[in-house]
Protein backbone atom coordinates (compact mmCIF):
# COMPACT_ATOMS: atom_id res chain seq x y z
CA MET A 1 159.93 40.75 192.97
CA LYS A 2 159.05 44.13 191.96
CA LEU A 3 162.32 45.96 190.72
CA PRO A 4 162.76 49.61 191.74
CA ALA A 5 162.34 52.25 188.87
CA VAL A 6 165.84 52.32 187.82
CA GLY A 7 166.20 48.64 187.89
CA LEU A 8 163.28 48.08 185.87
CA LEU A 9 164.52 50.60 183.24
CA ARG A 10 167.77 48.59 182.97
CA HIS A 11 165.97 45.28 183.05
CA LEU A 12 164.02 46.62 180.01
CA GLY A 13 167.36 47.45 178.29
CA ILE A 14 167.01 51.17 178.92
CA SER A 15 169.66 53.29 180.71
CA ALA A 16 168.93 55.88 182.99
CA LEU A 17 166.60 58.72 181.66
CA VAL A 18 168.48 61.37 179.58
CA LEU A 19 166.59 64.57 179.41
CA VAL A 20 166.92 67.93 177.46
CA GLY A 21 164.98 70.99 177.81
CA LEU A 22 161.88 71.24 175.40
CA SER A 23 162.92 74.53 174.60
CA GLU A 24 166.31 73.40 173.14
CA ILE A 25 164.86 71.25 170.60
CA PRO A 26 162.71 71.96 167.38
CA THR A 27 159.04 71.40 167.19
CA SER A 28 157.88 68.58 165.08
CA ALA A 29 156.55 70.90 162.52
CA GLN A 30 160.28 72.06 162.12
CA VAL A 31 161.32 68.40 161.51
CA ARG A 32 159.21 68.05 158.36
CA THR A 33 160.33 64.49 157.43
CA GLY A 34 156.92 63.21 156.56
CA ARG A 35 155.08 59.98 157.18
CA ASP A 36 152.89 57.48 155.29
CA VAL A 37 149.61 58.30 157.41
CA GLN A 38 147.10 60.93 157.10
CA GLN A 39 147.86 63.95 159.65
CA ASP A 40 145.22 66.39 160.70
CA SER A 41 147.81 69.17 161.31
CA TYR A 42 151.61 69.10 160.58
CA GLU A 43 153.76 66.40 159.53
CA THR A 44 155.53 64.46 162.27
CA PRO A 45 159.14 63.21 162.34
CA ARG A 46 160.44 59.89 161.57
CA TRP A 47 162.76 57.68 163.28
CA THR A 48 163.99 54.04 163.24
CA ASN A 49 165.13 51.87 166.01
CA PRO A 50 168.12 49.49 165.60
CA ALA A 51 167.61 46.08 164.07
CA GLY A 52 166.38 43.61 166.57
CA PHE A 53 164.75 46.05 168.82
CA GLU A 54 161.27 45.86 167.17
CA LYS A 55 159.58 44.34 169.85
CA ASP A 56 161.72 45.68 172.91
CA VAL A 57 160.15 49.17 172.54
CA PHE A 58 157.43 51.31 174.19
CA THR A 59 154.32 51.50 171.81
CA PHE A 60 151.75 54.16 172.29
CA VAL A 61 148.17 52.33 171.92
CA ARG A 62 145.20 54.18 171.26
CA ILE A 63 141.84 52.44 172.18
CA GLN A 64 139.19 52.49 169.32
CA TYR A 65 135.63 52.26 171.15
CA SER A 66 132.05 52.58 170.01
CA SER A 67 130.29 55.96 170.84
CA GLN A 68 126.88 54.93 172.06
CA GLY A 69 126.24 56.73 175.35
CA ARG A 70 124.28 59.60 176.14
CA ARG A 71 125.88 62.06 173.74
CA ARG A 72 126.18 59.64 170.88
CA HIS A 73 125.32 62.13 168.15
CA ALA A 74 126.87 65.25 169.59
CA TYR A 75 129.67 65.66 167.15
CA GLY A 76 128.71 63.23 164.31
CA ARG A 77 132.14 61.65 164.43
CA ASN A 78 134.43 59.03 165.88
CA ARG A 79 135.48 60.50 169.04
CA TRP A 80 137.97 57.87 169.93
CA ALA A 81 140.01 59.28 167.08
CA THR A 82 140.39 62.81 168.30
CA ASP A 83 143.74 64.43 167.71
CA PHE A 84 144.84 61.13 165.90
CA PRO A 85 147.57 60.25 164.58
CA ASP A 86 149.63 63.42 165.17
CA ALA A 87 149.19 63.39 169.00
CA ASP A 88 150.35 59.84 169.36
CA LEU A 89 153.15 60.23 166.84
CA ASN A 90 154.42 63.68 168.48
CA LEU A 91 154.31 62.18 172.08
CA SER A 92 156.12 59.25 170.70
CA TYR A 93 158.80 61.25 169.08
CA ARG A 94 159.21 63.42 172.14
CA LEU A 95 159.70 60.22 174.58
CA GLN A 96 162.29 58.83 171.78
CA GLN A 97 164.04 62.11 171.75
CA MET A 98 163.94 63.25 175.38
CA THR A 99 164.37 60.17 177.11
CA SER A 100 166.62 56.90 176.52
CA LEU A 101 163.37 54.86 176.05
CA ARG A 102 163.24 53.30 172.53
CA VAL A 103 159.79 54.11 171.25
CA ASP A 104 157.93 52.55 168.28
CA PRO A 105 157.48 55.08 165.58
CA ALA A 106 154.06 53.79 164.35
CA GLY A 107 151.96 53.31 167.47
CA ARG A 108 148.84 51.07 167.14
CA VAL A 109 145.11 51.37 167.32
CA ILE A 110 143.42 48.45 168.91
CA GLU A 111 139.94 47.59 170.54
CA LEU A 112 139.87 46.37 174.17
CA THR A 113 138.45 42.91 172.93
CA ASP A 114 141.84 42.53 170.75
CA PRO A 115 143.90 39.77 172.12
CA GLU A 116 147.07 41.97 171.36
CA LEU A 117 145.88 44.26 174.21
CA PHE A 118 147.87 42.18 176.67
CA ARG A 119 151.02 42.69 174.81
CA PHE A 120 151.14 46.46 175.62
CA PRO A 121 151.55 47.98 179.10
CA PHE A 122 150.01 51.34 178.15
CA ILE A 123 146.82 52.41 176.38
CA TYR A 124 145.10 55.75 175.92
CA ILE A 125 141.36 56.73 175.62
CA SER A 126 140.49 60.11 174.24
CA GLU A 127 137.09 62.02 174.56
CA PRO A 128 135.14 59.35 176.65
CA GLY A 129 132.31 61.49 177.35
CA ASP A 130 129.94 59.26 175.33
CA LEU A 131 131.54 55.79 175.25
CA GLN A 132 129.72 52.82 176.52
CA PHE A 133 131.76 49.48 177.15
CA SER A 134 130.52 46.14 176.21
CA GLU A 135 130.37 43.58 178.80
CA GLU A 136 133.23 41.76 176.98
CA GLU A 137 135.14 45.23 177.07
CA VAL A 138 134.46 45.56 180.81
CA ALA A 139 135.70 42.32 181.48
CA ASN A 140 138.80 42.64 179.50
CA LEU A 141 139.79 46.00 180.55
CA ARG A 142 139.39 44.90 184.44
CA ARG A 143 141.76 41.85 183.75
CA TYR A 144 144.03 43.94 181.77
CA LEU A 145 144.53 46.63 184.53
CA LEU A 146 144.64 44.10 187.51
CA ASN A 147 147.36 42.41 185.63
CA GLY A 148 149.53 45.35 185.37
CA GLY A 149 148.16 47.33 182.56
CA PHE A 150 147.78 51.27 182.65
CA LEU A 151 145.08 53.26 181.11
CA MET A 152 145.52 57.15 180.32
CA VAL A 153 142.02 58.84 179.85
CA ASP A 154 142.17 62.47 178.25
CA ASP A 155 140.27 65.43 176.75
CA PHE A 156 136.60 65.30 178.06
CA TRP A 157 134.77 68.27 179.52
CA GLY A 158 132.18 69.06 181.96
CA ASP A 159 129.97 67.27 184.34
CA ASP A 160 127.85 65.29 181.89
CA GLU A 161 130.78 63.83 180.22
CA TYR A 162 132.41 62.99 183.38
CA GLN A 163 129.32 61.27 184.73
CA ASN A 164 129.23 59.29 181.55
CA PHE A 165 132.64 57.99 182.02
CA TYR A 166 132.36 57.56 185.67
CA GLU A 167 129.40 55.31 185.19
CA GLN A 168 131.42 53.21 182.71
CA ILE A 169 134.60 52.80 184.68
CA LYS A 170 132.45 51.88 187.77
CA ARG A 171 131.44 49.13 185.66
CA VAL A 172 134.96 47.76 185.49
CA PHE A 173 135.65 48.60 189.12
CA PRO A 174 132.62 49.08 191.08
CA GLU A 175 134.53 48.65 194.29
CA ARG A 176 137.19 51.42 193.52
CA GLU A 177 136.59 55.14 193.48
CA PRO A 178 138.67 57.80 191.37
CA PHE A 179 140.30 60.20 193.43
CA ASP A 180 142.13 63.69 192.76
CA ILE A 181 145.77 62.62 192.65
CA PRO A 182 147.67 64.94 195.16
CA ARG A 183 150.61 66.96 193.75
CA SER A 184 153.08 65.39 195.93
CA HIS A 185 152.41 61.94 194.19
CA ALA A 186 155.41 60.48 192.37
CA LEU A 187 153.25 60.72 189.01
CA PHE A 188 153.99 64.75 188.92
CA HIS A 189 157.81 64.14 189.74
CA CYS A 190 159.10 61.09 188.38
CA VAL A 191 160.66 62.86 185.34
CA PHE A 192 159.52 66.58 185.36
CA SER A 193 158.57 68.05 188.77
CA LEU A 194 155.48 70.00 187.99
CA PRO A 195 155.06 72.73 190.52
CA GLU A 196 152.14 72.66 192.87
CA ASP A 197 150.64 75.94 191.47
CA LEU A 198 150.99 74.91 188.03
CA ASN A 199 147.49 74.92 186.41
CA LEU A 200 147.43 71.80 184.60
CA GLN A 201 144.47 72.72 182.25
CA LEU A 202 145.33 72.67 178.58
CA PRO A 203 142.73 73.73 176.05
CA ASN A 204 142.58 73.23 172.22
CA VAL A 205 144.79 75.36 170.29
CA ASP A 206 142.42 77.90 169.22
CA ARG A 207 141.22 78.69 172.76
CA GLY A 208 144.72 78.51 174.11
CA THR A 209 146.11 80.91 171.71
CA ARG A 210 143.32 83.44 172.72
CA SER A 211 144.05 82.69 176.36
CA GLN A 212 147.03 85.10 176.19
CA PHE A 213 144.51 87.97 175.70
CA ASP A 214 141.79 86.94 177.99
CA GLY A 215 143.33 84.38 180.40
CA VAL A 216 140.50 81.74 179.63
CA THR A 217 141.86 78.27 179.50
CA TRP A 218 138.59 76.22 179.74
CA GLU A 219 136.74 75.35 176.70
CA ARG A 220 133.01 75.11 177.55
CA GLY A 221 130.71 76.21 180.59
CA GLU A 222 131.32 76.94 184.21
CA ASP A 223 131.53 73.19 184.94
CA THR A 224 134.71 72.99 182.77
CA ARG A 225 136.82 75.94 184.44
CA GLU A 226 138.89 73.44 186.93
CA ALA A 227 140.98 70.70 185.43
CA HIS A 228 141.23 67.50 187.56
CA ILE A 229 143.86 64.54 187.19
CA ARG A 230 142.35 61.70 189.02
CA GLY A 231 143.34 58.10 189.52
CA ILE A 232 142.29 54.52 190.44
CA VAL A 233 144.70 52.49 192.30
CA ASP A 234 145.07 48.67 192.71
CA ASP A 235 145.46 46.76 195.95
CA LYS A 236 148.86 47.73 196.32
CA GLN A 237 148.25 51.35 195.67
CA ARG A 238 149.81 51.32 192.16
CA LEU A 239 147.98 53.87 189.98
CA MET A 240 146.55 51.90 187.14
CA VAL A 241 144.15 54.56 185.64
CA VAL A 242 144.84 58.36 185.28
CA ILE A 243 141.84 60.40 184.35
CA CYS A 244 142.66 63.70 182.73
CA HIS A 245 139.22 65.64 182.95
CA ASN A 246 138.59 69.27 181.91
CA THR A 247 141.78 69.40 179.96
CA ASP A 248 143.28 68.33 176.40
CA ASN A 249 146.84 66.88 176.62
CA GLY A 250 146.14 65.44 173.10
CA ASP A 251 145.92 69.02 171.48
CA GLY A 252 149.05 70.04 173.24
CA TRP A 253 150.88 67.02 171.47
CA GLU A 254 149.08 67.23 168.21
CA ARG A 255 149.10 70.83 167.74
CA GLU A 256 152.52 71.93 169.16
CA GLY A 257 153.90 73.32 165.87
CA GLU A 258 150.92 75.73 164.88
CA ASN A 259 151.44 78.51 167.14
CA GLU A 260 154.61 79.74 169.19
CA TYR A 261 152.75 80.93 172.19
CA TYR A 262 150.51 77.57 172.36
CA PHE A 263 153.71 75.41 172.09
CA LYS A 264 155.66 77.44 174.90
CA GLU A 265 152.67 78.06 177.25
CA PHE A 266 150.77 74.66 176.98
CA SER A 267 152.79 72.14 174.86
CA GLU A 268 156.16 72.91 176.44
CA LYS A 269 155.00 73.50 180.18
CA LYS A 270 152.06 71.01 180.52
CA ALA A 271 151.26 68.49 177.99
CA TYR A 272 154.68 67.01 177.16
CA PRO A 273 155.99 67.16 180.85
CA LEU A 274 152.82 65.36 182.04
CA GLY A 275 152.60 63.08 179.25
CA ILE A 276 156.07 61.89 179.52
CA ASN A 277 155.70 61.62 183.34
CA ILE A 278 152.63 59.37 183.00
CA VAL A 279 154.21 57.09 180.58
CA VAL A 280 157.34 56.70 182.60
CA TYR A 281 155.35 55.98 185.82
CA ALA A 282 153.37 53.39 183.94
CA MET A 283 156.58 51.76 182.79
CA THR A 284 158.33 51.83 186.01
CA HIS A 285 155.53 51.09 188.70
């Protein structure tokens, strides 16, 4: 029997969500306690969980994939690792800090073929504009999602990149079609209520900082002007995939401490509320 949201949280040993305003807490750049990993930007804070809860925590899991599609050599780097590790660590910290979820302070990077995949209820794929799944990855991802797993896809721009990802996810679910998630959906209200008129497009820190002068929040051509939050549901209408296209939540998490305007306009208003909503939805539905 499916438990209701609060019941499931209690079942997991988590009390009702306790929230504070983002503006009332320091940015991760101000909590400069360090970490034994290589950061791209600012150091991220460290925390520990009570002994005995090492496995009873939410773990942010990033998927490592091979970039072998139509844009394979576009950037000359591993696009799966964009904004890693700071984005993963900062969102994990905010979940730990702003809710009563216990959160793994390390996170994980795994491949879709890893048997460990099925231990984790949430996975994240960044910059899927040139990924190409193997047949084994297609089968594993389908089985994972239909058995209750949840996938968040983020940070890819334009029609060409969307078409590439669309072709790959249709290999996973040829019978299911992505759709624009209506703003009345619980995803946008389960923790933070995101207003209908809030533009959820989130650019990188450079474009976002300049937007205070020119109002431009899209990163590339005309086909990137409008952000889309799309979904794929299972037979019970549970969202199992959330696709964030023409937007870059990862930069909002990673770069939160680099510019005050960017933090207040994008990290605080959009990236963290949406990211936290997505995780809590994934854990309670």
